[in-house]
Amino acid sequence: MSTIKVIIVEDSRLARNELKELIKNHAELEVVAEAENVDTAYELITQLRPQLIFLDINMPEKDGFALLEMLDEVPAVVFTTAFDEYAIKSFEYNALDYLLKPINQKRFADAVEKVKTKVEAKENAVVEYLNENSQIFIKDGEKCWLVKIADIYLFEIVGNYTRVYFKDCKPLIYKSLNQIEERLPQNLFFRANRQQIINLQYIKGVDNWFNGKLKATMQSGDEVEISRRQSTLFKEMLSL
């Protein structure tokens, strides 16, 4: 496996140095940058596109969650935090791992193994489906999620917000459907109408509807009307 590019995001210089000492024992990890605040980290991550970030949650001005919310695509995340285990779990967070300060060498090595497994799986994925493994950060009130794009089955406009449907969750995000559509893999998602985008892999059935429209029934039971114009495109795309 090739070297894993790492960015350390931590406001404490001492904590950054401790992490770098731990990383020295793992030749597969290469620290390409470090940042002491969220805005610097955002620029570095966007520019250098690391596969892994070690991320402190509690930082001045903006916290670690704010950084994840800013990113269009989130790399593997390992939290470094003074919070206890129960506090971390309360975030309902799908981070790859978390490390409690002070960081134990054995615990660090376990986290690195998880990272290697995840990165290797992504490298071995078929190229045209890489976007399915992309992750986005969603924050709605006090709840946070790190969601794989392929797990989202429906996007829907709700006023100035967009509701995101995955599993049994339906959080709202302050982004327009057009902004979201630009980033989605076209082989996976389809704009059914002005209000909704559907994940093609979650369609259970399609029926003819009135005025030349189609109606898609999702695996969740949700019914989505495909506009007349989009119905024509849908039929052409799937050769119906």
C-alpha atoms as a PDB file:
ATOM      1  CA  MET A   1       0.000   0.000   0.000  1.00  0.00           C
ATOM      2  CA  SER A   2       1.237   3.516  -0.779  1.00  0.00           C
ATOM      3  CA  THR A   3       2.020   6.082   1.927  1.00  0.00           C
ATOM      4  CA  ILE A   4      -0.983   7.574   3.721  1.00  0.00           C
ATOM      5  CA  LYS A   5      -0.912  11.382   3.677  1.00  0.00           C
ATOM      6  CA  VAL A   6      -1.757  12.864   7.075  1.00  0.00           C
ATOM      7  CA  ILE A   7      -2.695  16.344   8.297  1.00  0.00           C
ATOM      8  CA  ILE A   8      -2.690  17.068  12.035  1.00  0.00           C
ATOM      9  CA  VAL A   9      -5.291  19.599  13.163  1.00  0.00           C
ATOM     10  CA  GLU A  10      -4.582  20.565  16.752  1.00  0.00           C
ATOM     11  CA  ASP A  11      -4.268  23.960  18.447  1.00  0.00           C
ATOM     12  CA  SER A  12      -1.697  22.758  21.001  1.00  0.00           C
ATOM     13  CA  ARG A  13       1.901  22.609  19.762  1.00  0.00           C
ATOM     14  CA  LEU A  14       2.737  20.090  22.481  1.00  0.00           C
ATOM     15  CA  ALA A  15      -0.112  17.814  21.362  1.00  0.00           C
ATOM     16  CA  ARG A  16       0.986  18.120  17.715  1.00  0.00           C
ATOM     17  CA  ASN A  17       4.532  17.130  18.664  1.00  0.00           C
ATOM     18  CA  GLU A  18       3.268  14.150  20.682  1.00  0.00           C
ATOM     19  CA  LEU A  19       1.287  12.948  17.667  1.00  0.00           C
ATOM     20  CA  LYS A  20       4.309  13.312  15.386  1.00  0.00           C
ATOM     21  CA  GLU A  21       6.366  11.212  17.808  1.00  0.00           C
ATOM     22  CA  LEU A  22       3.704   8.475  17.706  1.00  0.00           C
ATOM     23  CA  ILE A  23       3.537   8.683  13.907  1.00  0.00           C
ATOM     24  CA  LYS A  24       7.317   8.095  13.642  1.00  0.00           C
ATOM     25  CA  ASN A  25       6.683   4.473  14.622  1.00  0.00           C
ATOM     26  CA  HIS A  26       4.458   3.987  11.566  1.00  0.00           C
ATOM     27  CA  ALA A  27       6.364   4.319   8.300  1.00  0.00           C
ATOM     28  CA  GLU A  28       3.141   4.118   6.278  1.00  0.00           C
ATOM     29  CA  LEU A  29       2.019   7.493   7.655  1.00  0.00           C
ATOM     30  CA  GLU A  30       3.435  10.726   6.216  1.00  0.00           C
ATOM     31  CA  VAL A  31       2.628  14.053   7.858  1.00  0.00           C
ATOM     32  CA  VAL A  32       2.233  16.511   4.959  1.00  0.00           C
ATOM     33  CA  ALA A  33       0.987  19.458   7.049  1.00  0.00           C
ATOM     34  CA  GLU A  34      -0.244  20.574  10.431  1.00  0.00           C
ATOM     35  CA  ALA A  35      -2.709  23.280  11.410  1.00  0.00           C
ATOM     36  CA  GLU A  36      -3.517  24.988  14.680  1.00  0.00           C
ATOM     37  CA  ASN A  37      -6.962  26.263  13.659  1.00  0.00           C
ATOM     38  CA  VAL A  38      -9.906  25.302  11.471  1.00  0.00           C
ATOM     39  CA  ASP A  39      -9.501  27.892   8.701  1.00  0.00           C
ATOM     40  CA  THR A  40      -5.857  26.947   8.080  1.00  0.00           C
ATOM     41  CA  ALA A  41      -6.798  23.275   8.195  1.00  0.00           C
ATOM     42  CA  TYR A  42      -9.560  23.786   5.611  1.00  0.00           C
ATOM     43  CA  GLU A  43      -7.130  25.407   3.159  1.00  0.00           C
ATOM     44  CA  LEU A  44      -4.519  22.688   3.657  1.00  0.00           C
ATOM     45  CA  ILE A  45      -7.008  19.821   3.315  1.00  0.00           C
ATOM     46  CA  THR A  46      -8.523  21.332   0.166  1.00  0.00           C
ATOM     47  CA  GLN A  47      -5.071  21.840  -1.354  1.00  0.00           C
ATOM     48  CA  LEU A  48      -3.255  18.663  -0.257  1.00  0.00           C
ATOM     49  CA  ARG A  49      -6.185  16.188  -0.142  1.00  0.00           C
ATOM     50  CA  PRO A  50      -4.893  13.960   2.675  1.00  0.00           C
ATOM     51  CA  GLN A  51      -6.305  10.477   3.235  1.00  0.00           C
ATOM     52  CA  LEU A  52      -6.329  10.978   7.020  1.00  0.00           C
ATOM     53  CA  ILE A  53      -6.723  13.814   9.496  1.00  0.00           C
ATOM     54  CA  PHE A  54      -6.001  13.644  13.204  1.00  0.00           C
ATOM     55  CA  LEU A  55      -8.537  16.148  14.475  1.00  0.00           C
ATOM     56  CA  ASP A  56      -8.893  17.822  17.849  1.00  0.00           C
ATOM     57  CA  ILE A  57     -12.551  18.549  18.659  1.00  0.00           C
ATOM     58  CA  ASN A  58     -12.139  21.361  21.159  1.00  0.00           C
ATOM     59  CA  MET A  59     -10.330  24.289  19.497  1.00  0.00           C
ATOM     60  CA  PRO A  60     -10.748  28.053  19.896  1.00  0.00           C
ATOM     61  CA  GLU A  61     -13.100  30.002  17.584  1.00  0.00           C
ATOM     62  CA  LYS A  62     -14.221  26.995  15.487  1.00  0.00           C
ATOM     63  CA  ASP A  63     -14.246  23.396  16.695  1.00  0.00           C
ATOM     64  CA  GLY A  64     -13.434  20.179  14.840  1.00  0.00           C
ATOM     65  CA  PHE A  65     -17.069  19.672  13.830  1.00  0.00           C
ATOM     66  CA  ALA A  66     -17.081  23.073  12.131  1.00  0.00           C
ATOM     67  CA  LEU A  67     -14.143  21.958   9.973  1.00  0.00           C
ATOM     68  CA  LEU A  68     -15.934  18.785   8.867  1.00  0.00           C
ATOM     69  CA  GLU A  69     -19.010  20.827   8.017  1.00  0.00           C
ATOM     70  CA  MET A  70     -16.922  23.031   5.701  1.00  0.00           C
ATOM     71  CA  LEU A  71     -15.514  20.128   3.673  1.00  0.00           C
ATOM     72  CA  ASP A  72     -17.275  18.841   0.552  1.00  0.00           C
ATOM     73  CA  GLU A  73     -15.575  15.483   0.981  1.00  0.00           C
ATOM     74  CA  VAL A  74     -14.296  14.236   4.322  1.00  0.00           C
ATOM     75  CA  PRO A  75     -11.182  12.020   4.510  1.00  0.00           C
ATOM     76  CA  ALA A  76     -10.732   9.389   7.206  1.00  0.00           C
ATOM     77  CA  VAL A  77     -11.032  11.077  10.600  1.00  0.00           C
ATOM     78  CA  VAL A  78      -9.445  10.090  13.895  1.00  0.00           C
ATOM     79  CA  PHE A  79     -10.415  12.405  16.735  1.00  0.00           C
ATOM     80  CA  THR A  80      -7.845  13.361  19.343  1.00  0.00           C
ATOM     81  CA  THR A  81      -9.751  14.627  22.336  1.00  0.00           C
ATOM     82  CA  ALA A  82      -9.933  15.022  26.078  1.00  0.00           C
ATOM     83  CA  PHE A  83     -13.648  14.113  26.006  1.00  0.00           C
ATOM     84  CA  ASP A  84     -14.563  10.788  27.548  1.00  0.00           C
ATOM     85  CA  GLU A  85     -15.918   7.822  25.624  1.00  0.00           C
ATOM     86  CA  TYR A  86     -19.538   8.491  26.484  1.00  0.00           C
ATOM     87  CA  ALA A  87     -19.356  12.112  25.372  1.00  0.00           C
ATOM     88  CA  ILE A  88     -17.939  11.016  22.021  1.00  0.00           C
ATOM     89  CA  LYS A  89     -20.665   8.428  21.496  1.00  0.00           C
ATOM     90  CA  SER A  90     -23.326  11.006  22.275  1.00  0.00           C
ATOM     91  CA  PHE A  91     -22.407  12.813  19.058  1.00  0.00           C
ATOM     92  CA  GLU A  92     -23.758   9.837  17.081  1.00  0.00           C
ATOM     93  CA  TYR A  93     -20.596  10.179  15.077  1.00  0.00           C
ATOM     94  CA  ASN A  94     -19.259   7.797  12.506  1.00  0.00           C
ATOM     95  CA  ALA A  95     -15.635   8.855  12.862  1.00  0.00           C
ATOM     96  CA  LEU A  96     -13.139   6.126  12.072  1.00  0.00           C
ATOM     97  CA  ASP A  97     -11.769   6.229  15.616  1.00  0.00           C
ATOM     98  CA  TYR A  98     -11.028   8.542  18.518  1.00  0.00           C
ATOM     99  CA  LEU A  99      -8.016   8.790  20.788  1.00  0.00           C
ATOM    100  CA  LEU A 100      -8.261  10.068  24.348  1.00  0.00           C
ATOM    101  CA  LYS A 101      -5.477  12.356  25.549  1.00  0.00           C
ATOM    102  CA  PRO A 102      -2.890  11.477  26.691  1.00  0.00           C
ATOM    103  CA  ILE A 103      -2.667   9.059  23.783  1.00  0.00           C
ATOM    104  CA  ASN A 104      -1.590   5.497  24.487  1.00  0.00           C
ATOM    105  CA  GLN A 105       0.860   3.909  21.973  1.00  0.00           C
ATOM    106  CA  LYS A 106      -1.111   0.658  21.704  1.00  0.00           C
ATOM    107  CA  ARG A 107      -4.357   2.563  21.232  1.00  0.00           C
ATOM    108  CA  PHE A 108      -2.704   4.678  18.536  1.00  0.00           C
ATOM    109  CA  ALA A 109      -1.475   1.577  16.700  1.00  0.00           C
ATOM    110  CA  ASP A 110      -5.004   0.136  16.732  1.00  0.00           C
ATOM    111  CA  ALA A 111      -6.346   3.338  15.170  1.00  0.00           C
ATOM    112  CA  VAL A 112      -3.665   3.211  12.464  1.00  0.00           C
ATOM    113  CA  GLU A 113      -4.710  -0.345  11.552  1.00  0.00           C
ATOM    114  CA  LYS A 114      -8.305   0.850  11.082  1.00  0.00           C
ATOM    115  CA  VAL A 115      -7.070   3.669   8.872  1.00  0.00           C
ATOM    116  CA  LYS A 116      -4.975   1.306   6.741  1.00  0.00           C
ATOM    117  CA  THR A 117      -7.943  -1.016   6.207  1.00  0.00           C
ATOM    118  CA  LYS A 118     -10.195   1.874   5.155  1.00  0.00           C
ATOM    119  CA  VAL A 119      -7.657   3.509   2.816  1.00  0.00           C
ATOM    120  CA  GLU A 120      -6.729   0.195   1.209  1.00  0.00           C
ATOM    121  CA  ALA A 121     -10.393  -0.606   0.550  1.00  0.00           C
ATOM    122  CA  LYS A 122     -10.836   2.769  -1.125  1.00  0.00           C
ATOM    123  CA  GLU A 123      -7.708   2.299  -3.285  1.00  0.00           C
ATOM    124  CA  ASN A 124      -8.946  -1.107  -4.437  1.00  0.00           C
ATOM    125  CA  ALA A 125     -12.414   0.146  -5.340  1.00  0.00           C
ATOM    126  CA  VAL A 126     -13.377   0.278  -9.007  1.00  0.00           C
ATOM    127  CA  VAL A 127     -12.448   3.727 -10.254  1.00  0.00           C
ATOM    128  CA  GLU A 128     -15.868   4.707 -11.634  1.00  0.00           C
ATOM    129  CA  TYR A 129     -17.494   4.015  -8.273  1.00  0.00           C
ATOM    130  CA  LEU A 130     -15.035   5.933  -6.086  1.00  0.00           C
ATOM    131  CA  ASN A 131     -17.534   8.687  -5.443  1.00  0.00           C
ATOM    132  CA  GLU A 132     -19.861   6.226  -3.769  1.00  0.00           C
ATOM    133  CA  ASN A 133     -17.328   6.026  -0.948  1.00  0.00           C
ATOM    134  CA  SER A 134     -17.133   9.785  -0.494  1.00  0.00           C
ATOM    135  CA  GLN A 135     -18.309  11.018   2.891  1.00  0.00           C
ATOM    136  CA  ILE A 136     -20.094  14.232   3.824  1.00  0.00           C
ATOM    137  CA  PHE A 137     -20.507  15.812   7.226  1.00  0.00           C
ATOM    138  CA  ILE A 138     -24.044  16.729   8.334  1.00  0.00           C
ATOM    139  CA  LYS A 139     -24.916  18.732  11.428  1.00  0.00           C
ATOM    140  CA  ASP A 140     -28.537  19.346  12.439  1.00  0.00           C
ATOM    141  CA  GLY A 141     -28.900  20.983  15.842  1.00  0.00           C
ATOM    142  CA  GLU A 142     -26.846  19.015  18.352  1.00  0.00           C
ATOM    143  CA  LYS A 143     -26.652  15.871  16.203  1.00  0.00           C
ATOM    144  CA  CYS A 144     -23.814  15.143  13.787  1.00  0.00           C
ATOM    145  CA  TRP A 145     -23.288  12.444  11.174  1.00  0.00           C
ATOM    146  CA  LEU A 146     -20.491  11.419   8.818  1.00  0.00           C
ATOM    147  CA  VAL A 147     -22.447   9.842   5.967  1.00  0.00           C
ATOM    148  CA  LYS A 148     -21.292   7.854   2.969  1.00  0.00           C
ATOM    149  CA  ILE A 149     -22.861   9.267  -0.203  1.00  0.00           C
ATOM    150  CA  ALA A 150     -24.068   5.819  -1.288  1.00  0.00           C
ATOM    151  CA  ASP A 151     -26.125   5.498   1.917  1.00  0.00           C
ATOM    152  CA  ILE A 152     -28.273   8.540   1.082  1.00  0.00           C
ATOM    153  CA  TYR A 153     -31.426   7.595  -0.819  1.00  0.00           C
ATOM    154  CA  LEU A 154     -33.223  10.937  -1.154  1.00  0.00           C
ATOM    155  CA  PHE A 155     -32.585  14.698  -1.081  1.00  0.00           C
ATOM    156  CA  GLU A 156     -35.649  16.934  -0.788  1.00  0.00           C
ATOM    157  CA  ILE A 157     -36.178  20.711  -0.683  1.00  0.00           C
ATOM    158  CA  VAL A 158     -37.799  22.030   2.491  1.00  0.00           C
ATOM    159  CA  GLY A 159     -38.035  25.826   2.255  1.00  0.00           C
ATOM    160  CA  ASN A 160     -34.491  27.214   2.252  1.00  0.00           C
ATOM    161  CA  TYR A 161     -33.120  23.881   3.471  1.00  0.00           C
ATOM    162  CA  THR A 162     -32.609  20.425   2.005  1.00  0.00           C
ATOM    163  CA  ARG A 163     -33.670  17.313   3.890  1.00  0.00           C
ATOM    164  CA  VAL A 164     -31.253  14.381   3.609  1.00  0.00           C
ATOM    165  CA  TYR A 165     -32.665  10.854   3.945  1.00  0.00           C
ATOM    166  CA  PHE A 166     -30.439   7.952   5.045  1.00  0.00           C
ATOM    167  CA  LYS A 167     -31.262   4.925   7.192  1.00  0.00           C
ATOM    168  CA  ASP A 168     -33.864   6.217   9.661  1.00  0.00           C
ATOM    169  CA  CYS A 169     -32.429   9.760   9.751  1.00  0.00           C
ATOM    170  CA  LYS A 170     -33.824  12.885   8.042  1.00  0.00           C
ATOM    171  CA  PRO A 171     -31.657  15.876   9.026  1.00  0.00           C
ATOM    172  CA  LEU A 172     -31.857  19.297   7.374  1.00  0.00           C
ATOM    173  CA  ILE A 173     -28.866  21.085   5.846  1.00  0.00           C
ATOM    174  CA  TYR A 174     -28.637  24.700   4.761  1.00  0.00           C
ATOM    175  CA  LYS A 175     -27.708  24.072   1.137  1.00  0.00           C
ATOM    176  CA  SER A 176     -29.750  24.291  -2.055  1.00  0.00           C
ATOM    177  CA  LEU A 177     -30.584  21.209  -4.087  1.00  0.00           C
ATOM    178  CA  ASN A 178     -28.678  22.670  -7.041  1.00  0.00           C
ATOM    179  CA  GLN A 179     -25.525  23.040  -4.932  1.00  0.00           C
ATOM    180  CA  ILE A 180     -25.853  19.437  -3.817  1.00  0.00           C
ATOM    181  CA  GLU A 181     -26.616  18.085  -7.295  1.00  0.00           C
ATOM    182  CA  GLU A 182     -23.377  19.533  -8.711  1.00  0.00           C
ATOM    183  CA  ARG A 183     -21.327  17.349  -6.363  1.00  0.00           C
ATOM    184  CA  LEU A 184     -23.219  14.070  -6.640  1.00  0.00           C
ATOM    185  CA  PRO A 185     -22.028  11.127  -8.792  1.00  0.00           C
ATOM    186  CA  GLN A 186     -24.300  11.083 -11.859  1.00  0.00           C
ATOM    187  CA  ASN A 187     -24.195   7.300 -12.108  1.00  0.00           C
ATOM    188  CA  LEU A 188     -25.846   7.076  -8.691  1.00  0.00           C
ATOM    189  CA  PHE A 189     -28.256  10.000  -8.357  1.00  0.00           C
ATOM    190  CA  PHE A 190     -31.073  11.341 -10.535  1.00  0.00           C
ATOM    191  CA  ARG A 191     -32.971  14.644 -10.359  1.00  0.00           C
ATOM    192  CA  ALA A 192     -36.574  13.428 -10.266  1.00  0.00           C
ATOM    193  CA  ASN A 193     -38.174  16.880 -10.149  1.00  0.00           C
ATOM    194  CA  ARG A 194     -37.494  20.400  -8.897  1.00  0.00           C
ATOM    195  CA  GLN A 195     -37.822  19.335  -5.289  1.00  0.00           C
ATOM    196  CA  GLN A 196     -36.168  15.901  -5.132  1.00  0.00           C
ATOM    197  CA  ILE A 197     -33.046  13.916  -6.079  1.00  0.00           C
ATOM    198  CA  ILE A 198     -33.176  10.133  -5.729  1.00  0.00           C
ATOM    199  CA  ASN A 199     -30.546   7.421  -5.388  1.00  0.00           C
ATOM    200  CA  LEU A 200     -31.097   4.976  -8.265  1.00  0.00           C
ATOM    201  CA  GLN A 201     -29.907   2.028  -6.183  1.00  0.00           C
ATOM    202  CA  TYR A 202     -32.741   2.534  -3.698  1.00  0.00           C
ATOM    203  CA  ILE A 203     -35.592   2.417  -6.217  1.00  0.00           C
ATOM    204  CA  LYS A 204     -37.888  -0.515  -5.523  1.00  0.00           C
ATOM    205  CA  GLY A 205     -40.209  -0.021  -8.497  1.00  0.00           C
ATOM    206  CA  VAL A 206     -41.309   2.434 -11.186  1.00  0.00           C
ATOM    207  CA  ASP A 207     -44.894   2.901 -12.425  1.00  0.00           C
ATOM    208  CA  ASN A 208     -46.462   4.949 -15.175  1.00  0.00           C
ATOM    209  CA  TRP A 209     -48.191   8.018 -13.760  1.00  0.00           C
ATOM    210  CA  PHE A 210     -50.511  10.602 -15.254  1.00  0.00           C
ATOM    211  CA  ASN A 211     -49.571  13.148 -17.967  1.00  0.00           C
ATOM    212  CA  GLY A 212     -46.567  11.132 -19.137  1.00  0.00           C
ATOM    213  CA  LYS A 213     -44.940  11.126 -15.732  1.00  0.00           C
ATOM    214  CA  LEU A 214     -43.450   8.231 -13.788  1.00  0.00           C
ATOM    215  CA  LYS A 215     -43.693   7.418 -10.096  1.00  0.00           C
ATOM    216  CA  ALA A 216     -40.734   5.813  -8.322  1.00  0.00           C
ATOM    217  CA  THR A 217     -41.278   3.828  -5.140  1.00  0.00           C
ATOM    218  CA  MET A 218     -38.202   3.798  -2.918  1.00  0.00           C
ATOM    219  CA  GLN A 219     -37.154   0.883  -0.707  1.00  0.00           C
ATOM    220  CA  SER A 220     -38.116   3.054   2.258  1.00  0.00           C
ATOM    221  CA  GLY A 221     -41.695   3.223   0.999  1.00  0.00           C
ATOM    222  CA  ASP A 222     -41.410   6.882  -0.047  1.00  0.00           C
ATOM    223  CA  GLU A 223     -43.063   7.654  -3.395  1.00  0.00           C
ATOM    224  CA  VAL A 224     -41.369  10.173  -5.676  1.00  0.00           C
ATOM    225  CA  GLU A 225     -43.026  11.667  -8.739  1.00  0.00           C
ATOM    226  CA  ILE A 226     -40.685  12.033 -11.717  1.00  0.00           C
ATOM    227  CA  SER A 227     -41.613  15.080 -13.795  1.00  0.00           C
ATOM    228  CA  ARG A 228     -42.608  14.631 -17.417  1.00  0.00           C
ATOM    229  CA  ARG A 229     -39.348  16.051 -18.736  1.00  0.00           C
ATOM    230  CA  GLN A 230     -37.260  13.984 -16.317  1.00  0.00           C
ATOM    231  CA  SER A 231     -39.340  10.878 -17.049  1.00  0.00           C
ATOM    232  CA  THR A 232     -38.179  11.048 -20.671  1.00  0.00           C
ATOM    233  CA  LEU A 233     -34.551  11.292 -19.533  1.00  0.00           C
ATOM    234  CA  PHE A 234     -35.084   8.514 -17.016  1.00  0.00           C
ATOM    235  CA  LYS A 235     -36.439   6.157 -19.692  1.00  0.00           C
ATOM    236  CA  GLU A 236     -33.575   6.978 -22.050  1.00  0.00           C
ATOM    237  CA  MET A 237     -31.016   6.486 -19.302  1.00  0.00           C
ATOM    238  CA  LEU A 238     -32.363   3.102 -18.296  1.00  0.00           C
ATOM    239  CA  SER A 239     -33.457   2.146 -21.836  1.00  0.00           C
ATOM    240  CA  LEU A 240     -37.048   1.544 -20.784  1.00  0.00           C
END
